[in-house]
Amino acid sequence: MINHITFSSPIPNRILLILVFWGGINLAIPAQILPSQKSIAESALSLVGKPNLKFGNRSFPWDCSGTVLAALWVAGLDVRGEYGSFGGNGVNRLHEIARQHQIEYDLPLPEIGDIVFWDNTYDKNEDLKWNDELTHTGIIVDVKPDGTITYVHHDYRRGIVTAEMNLFLPDSRDATLLDGTTRIINSPLRMNKDRYLNPDKWLSAQLFRSFGRFHILLDEPKPMTLVATAPASR
């Protein structure tokens, strides 16, 4: 059965979509998930609700970029060496890694395990202008058939949580089915204190910048280390 859906804001004329929930049209979800993608997504989900990012003698900053770094590290990908070679905030450093490895893209449907970047989630430079690039990041952990993305990120008030984004309907916060069930498809993302700038732009999809396929770095073949041994004595 196909459920028709109403949205909290009008669908733009250029987008004519019939969205189908659970068992309907698959918009572009990959048929196969690589082990590296699954590992990154599961590592991110394992951080949800944690009170800190400490792992024995390893620790990561208690912020959005620290959350991404920790999830990658738990999955077996340690990018801190490259991370330290770039300037700017943590989000910019992660973005530079994606750009240098040519793994950044901006299609509307990501794959699980991908990193997501946003702009203008707060007034980073405090100049009261809409010009703040690369202010937030997270990790994709699910993509639903209707195009709604679930991601893990560090919320400045609630800690490490999951949230939603749908790039096909960036101006709608909610989708409501005929049975009255309402589901968030775009979570609030811009900080409340900064919403006086462009007050209509505060949802996750409205602030989206790009994705990065970091699992490719995890899949890269590791260099072989040759260990020289002395010949056995006769």
Foldseek 3Di string as FASTA:
>chain_A
DFWAKDFPDDQDPVFDDRFGFDPDAFPDADPDDDPLLQQLLVLLVVCPPDPAQDDPPDGFDQFFLSSSQSSCVSSPHHCVVQLVVDDDDSQVSVVVVLVVVVQKDADLADYFFKKWFFFQLEPVVPPLARDGGGDHMWGWNDAGRRQKTKTWGQDPVRGIDIDIEHLSGHQTQWMATPVGDIDGRWDFRRDPVSCVHVVSQGTPNSGTDIIGNCSVVVVDDDDDDDDDDDDDDD
